[in-house]
Amino acid sequence: MSSKLTLNLVEGSVSFSFSPEAARELQSAIAQLMQSLKAVSTKMTPGAKATPQQSLEYRYTGEVFLEIFCNPNIWATPFAAKVLITLRDAHIRLTTEAELTRVSEDLNLYLEQVS
């Protein structure tokens, strides 16, 4: 059963059908991304090169296609990070960005509501 997930974007918001199982998978992927962002932001010594971290490339196909991408190597902290979101169906395609922390909060709220 799918419920509506609302993602708050930099400007505006978007709602779409999303399953709780997919939301938990995305939540787990975001948790891993947060760990990567923390690893990048805490360099061992000044001037030392941080170990490159793997990007988040999440894809979901249901009533809509959702793709979320984030390269943790370009953001100074998890709080500064933004994700690129692509959402499409047979009639429309939306590509935009959102703050990572906001997407995480939106997912947590969605999972609380469907539980």
C-alpha atoms as a PDB file:
ATOM      1  CA  MET A   1       0.000   0.000   0.000  1.00  0.00           C
ATOM      2  CA  SER A   2       1.375   3.405  -0.988  1.00  0.00           C
ATOM      3  CA  SER A   3       0.733   6.652   0.844  1.00  0.00           C
ATOM      4  CA  LYS A   4       1.662  10.183  -0.187  1.00  0.00           C
ATOM      5  CA  LEU A   5       5.167  11.344   0.680  1.00  0.00           C
ATOM      6  CA  THR A   6       5.682  15.109   0.628  1.00  0.00           C
ATOM      7  CA  LEU A   7       9.206  16.379   0.032  1.00  0.00           C
ATOM      8  CA  ASN A   8       9.838  20.016   0.879  1.00  0.00           C
ATOM      9  CA  LEU A   9      12.131  21.506  -1.733  1.00  0.00           C
ATOM     10  CA  VAL A  10      14.222  24.675  -1.730  1.00  0.00           C
ATOM     11  CA  GLU A  11      11.192  26.393  -3.281  1.00  0.00           C
ATOM     12  CA  GLY A  12       7.863  24.620  -2.867  1.00  0.00           C
ATOM     13  CA  SER A  13       7.101  20.962  -2.299  1.00  0.00           C
ATOM     14  CA  VAL A  14       6.092  17.837  -4.188  1.00  0.00           C
ATOM     15  CA  SER A  15       3.836  14.946  -3.104  1.00  0.00           C
ATOM     16  CA  PHE A  16       3.692  11.495  -4.658  1.00  0.00           C
ATOM     17  CA  SER A  17       2.755   7.893  -3.883  1.00  0.00           C
ATOM     18  CA  PHE A  18       5.533   6.103  -2.020  1.00  0.00           C
ATOM     19  CA  SER A  19       5.515   2.840  -0.080  1.00  0.00           C
ATOM     20  CA  PRO A  20       6.672   2.599   3.544  1.00  0.00           C
ATOM     21  CA  GLU A  21       9.146  -0.128   2.524  1.00  0.00           C
ATOM     22  CA  ALA A  22      10.733   2.174  -0.055  1.00  0.00           C
ATOM     23  CA  ALA A  23      10.818   4.982   2.523  1.00  0.00           C
ATOM     24  CA  ARG A  24      12.727   2.754   4.943  1.00  0.00           C
ATOM     25  CA  GLU A  25      15.203   1.833   2.169  1.00  0.00           C
ATOM     26  CA  LEU A  26      15.723   5.516   1.359  1.00  0.00           C
ATOM     27  CA  GLN A  27      16.086   6.334   5.060  1.00  0.00           C
ATOM     28  CA  SER A  28      18.824   3.696   5.327  1.00  0.00           C
ATOM     29  CA  ALA A  29      20.602   5.049   2.234  1.00  0.00           C
ATOM     30  CA  ILE A  30      20.464   8.579   3.676  1.00  0.00           C
ATOM     31  CA  ALA A  31      21.890   7.330   6.988  1.00  0.00           C
ATOM     32  CA  GLN A  32      24.849   5.848   5.079  1.00  0.00           C
ATOM     33  CA  LEU A  33      25.244   9.130   3.182  1.00  0.00           C
ATOM     34  CA  MET A  34      25.296  11.047   6.491  1.00  0.00           C
ATOM     35  CA  GLN A  35      28.151   8.806   7.674  1.00  0.00           C
ATOM     36  CA  SER A  36      30.040   9.523   4.436  1.00  0.00           C
ATOM     37  CA  LEU A  37      29.469  13.257   4.868  1.00  0.00           C
ATOM     38  CA  LYS A  38      30.744  13.106   8.442  1.00  0.00           C
ATOM     39  CA  ALA A  39      33.845  11.217   7.257  1.00  0.00           C
ATOM     40  CA  VAL A  40      34.546  13.917   4.658  1.00  0.00           C
ATOM     41  CA  SER A  41      34.005  16.765   7.144  1.00  0.00           C
ATOM     42  CA  THR A  42      36.404  15.331   9.746  1.00  0.00           C
ATOM     43  CA  LYS A  43      39.764  15.240   7.982  1.00  0.00           C
ATOM     44  CA  MET A  44      42.634  13.696   9.911  1.00  0.00           C
ATOM     45  CA  THR A  45      45.148  16.547   9.518  1.00  0.00           C
ATOM     46  CA  PRO A  46      44.976  19.968   7.886  1.00  0.00           C
ATOM     47  CA  GLY A  47      46.022  19.783   4.251  1.00  0.00           C
ATOM     48  CA  ALA A  48      45.562  16.014   4.111  1.00  0.00           C
ATOM     49  CA  LYS A  49      43.362  14.684   1.367  1.00  0.00           C
ATOM     50  CA  ALA A  50      40.209  12.951   2.597  1.00  0.00           C
ATOM     51  CA  THR A  51      39.358   9.512   1.260  1.00  0.00           C
ATOM     52  CA  PRO A  52      36.733   9.938  -1.486  1.00  0.00           C
ATOM     53  CA  GLN A  53      33.315   8.712  -0.382  1.00  0.00           C
ATOM     54  CA  GLN A  54      30.745   6.953  -2.546  1.00  0.00           C
ATOM     55  CA  SER A  55      27.832   9.015  -3.874  1.00  0.00           C
ATOM     56  CA  LEU A  56      24.218   8.290  -3.013  1.00  0.00           C
ATOM     57  CA  GLU A  57      22.315   7.121  -6.099  1.00  0.00           C
ATOM     58  CA  TYR A  58      18.879   5.990  -4.925  1.00  0.00           C
ATOM     59  CA  ARG A  59      16.269   4.839  -7.442  1.00  0.00           C
ATOM     60  CA  TYR A  60      12.643   3.862  -6.869  1.00  0.00           C
ATOM     61  CA  THR A  61      10.155   2.717  -9.473  1.00  0.00           C
ATOM     62  CA  GLY A  62       6.490   2.493  -8.525  1.00  0.00           C
ATOM     63  CA  GLU A  63       3.624   4.722  -9.632  1.00  0.00           C
ATOM     64  CA  VAL A  64       6.405   7.252 -10.263  1.00  0.00           C
ATOM     65  CA  PHE A  65      10.135   7.050 -10.885  1.00  0.00           C
ATOM     66  CA  LEU A  66      12.206   8.717  -8.156  1.00  0.00           C
ATOM     67  CA  GLU A  67      15.943   9.253  -8.258  1.00  0.00           C
ATOM     68  CA  ILE A  68      17.944  10.964  -5.515  1.00  0.00           C
ATOM     69  CA  PHE A  69      21.619  11.774  -6.006  1.00  0.00           C
ATOM     70  CA  CYS A  70      24.206  13.340  -3.707  1.00  0.00           C
ATOM     71  CA  ASN A  71      28.001  13.498  -3.917  1.00  0.00           C
ATOM     72  CA  PRO A  72      29.252  13.713  -0.312  1.00  0.00           C
ATOM     73  CA  ASN A  73      32.724  14.819  -1.427  1.00  0.00           C
ATOM     74  CA  ILE A  74      31.581  18.332  -2.379  1.00  0.00           C
ATOM     75  CA  TRP A  75      29.795  19.330   0.835  1.00  0.00           C
ATOM     76  CA  ALA A  76      31.570  20.701   3.912  1.00  0.00           C
ATOM     77  CA  THR A  77      29.060  19.268   6.404  1.00  0.00           C
ATOM     78  CA  PRO A  78      25.903  17.130   6.379  1.00  0.00           C
ATOM     79  CA  PHE A  79      23.915  20.277   7.197  1.00  0.00           C
ATOM     80  CA  ALA A  80      25.109  22.049   4.041  1.00  0.00           C
ATOM     81  CA  ALA A  81      24.460  19.093   1.734  1.00  0.00           C
ATOM     82  CA  LYS A  82      21.794  19.158  -0.941  1.00  0.00           C
ATOM     83  CA  VAL A  83      20.418  16.314  -3.013  1.00  0.00           C
ATOM     84  CA  LEU A  84      19.379  16.311  -6.653  1.00  0.00           C
ATOM     85  CA  ILE A  85      15.869  14.894  -7.055  1.00  0.00           C
ATOM     86  CA  THR A  86      14.342  13.627 -10.286  1.00  0.00           C
ATOM     87  CA  LEU A  87      10.679  12.625 -10.158  1.00  0.00           C
ATOM     88  CA  ARG A  88       8.768  11.546 -13.247  1.00  0.00           C
ATOM     89  CA  ASP A  89       5.792   9.635 -14.547  1.00  0.00           C
ATOM     90  CA  ALA A  90       4.245   9.266 -17.992  1.00  0.00           C
ATOM     91  CA  HIS A  91       3.122  12.908 -18.051  1.00  0.00           C
ATOM     92  CA  ILE A  92       5.657  15.040 -16.201  1.00  0.00           C
ATOM     93  CA  ARG A  93       9.315  15.177 -15.201  1.00  0.00           C
ATOM     94  CA  LEU A  94      10.601  17.286 -12.302  1.00  0.00           C
ATOM     95  CA  THR A  95      14.287  17.817 -11.594  1.00  0.00           C
ATOM     96  CA  THR A  96      15.193  19.965  -8.601  1.00  0.00           C
ATOM     97  CA  GLU A  97      17.269  20.031  -5.451  1.00  0.00           C
ATOM     98  CA  ALA A  98      16.446  19.856  -1.768  1.00  0.00           C
ATOM     99  CA  GLU A  99      18.336  20.130   1.492  1.00  0.00           C
ATOM    100  CA  LEU A 100      19.448  16.710   2.702  1.00  0.00           C
ATOM    101  CA  THR A 101      18.382  17.398   6.282  1.00  0.00           C
ATOM    102  CA  ARG A 102      14.903  18.444   5.107  1.00  0.00           C
ATOM    103  CA  VAL A 103      14.481  15.266   3.016  1.00  0.00           C
ATOM    104  CA  SER A 104      15.515  13.218   6.036  1.00  0.00           C
ATOM    105  CA  GLU A 105      12.971  15.035   8.239  1.00  0.00           C
ATOM    106  CA  ASP A 106      10.242  14.559   5.613  1.00  0.00           C
ATOM    107  CA  LEU A 107      10.970  10.817   5.470  1.00  0.00           C
ATOM    108  CA  ASN A 108      10.869  10.508   9.258  1.00  0.00           C
ATOM    109  CA  LEU A 109       7.529  12.350   9.383  1.00  0.00           C
ATOM    110  CA  TYR A 110       6.105  10.137   6.614  1.00  0.00           C
ATOM    111  CA  LEU A 111       7.183   6.945   8.411  1.00  0.00           C
ATOM    112  CA  GLU A 112       5.634   8.173  11.677  1.00  0.00           C
ATOM    113  CA  GLN A 113       2.337   8.840   9.882  1.00  0.00           C
ATOM    114  CA  VAL A 114       2.134   5.450   8.144  1.00  0.00           C
ATOM    115  CA  SER A 115       3.174   3.427  11.211  1.00  0.00           C
END
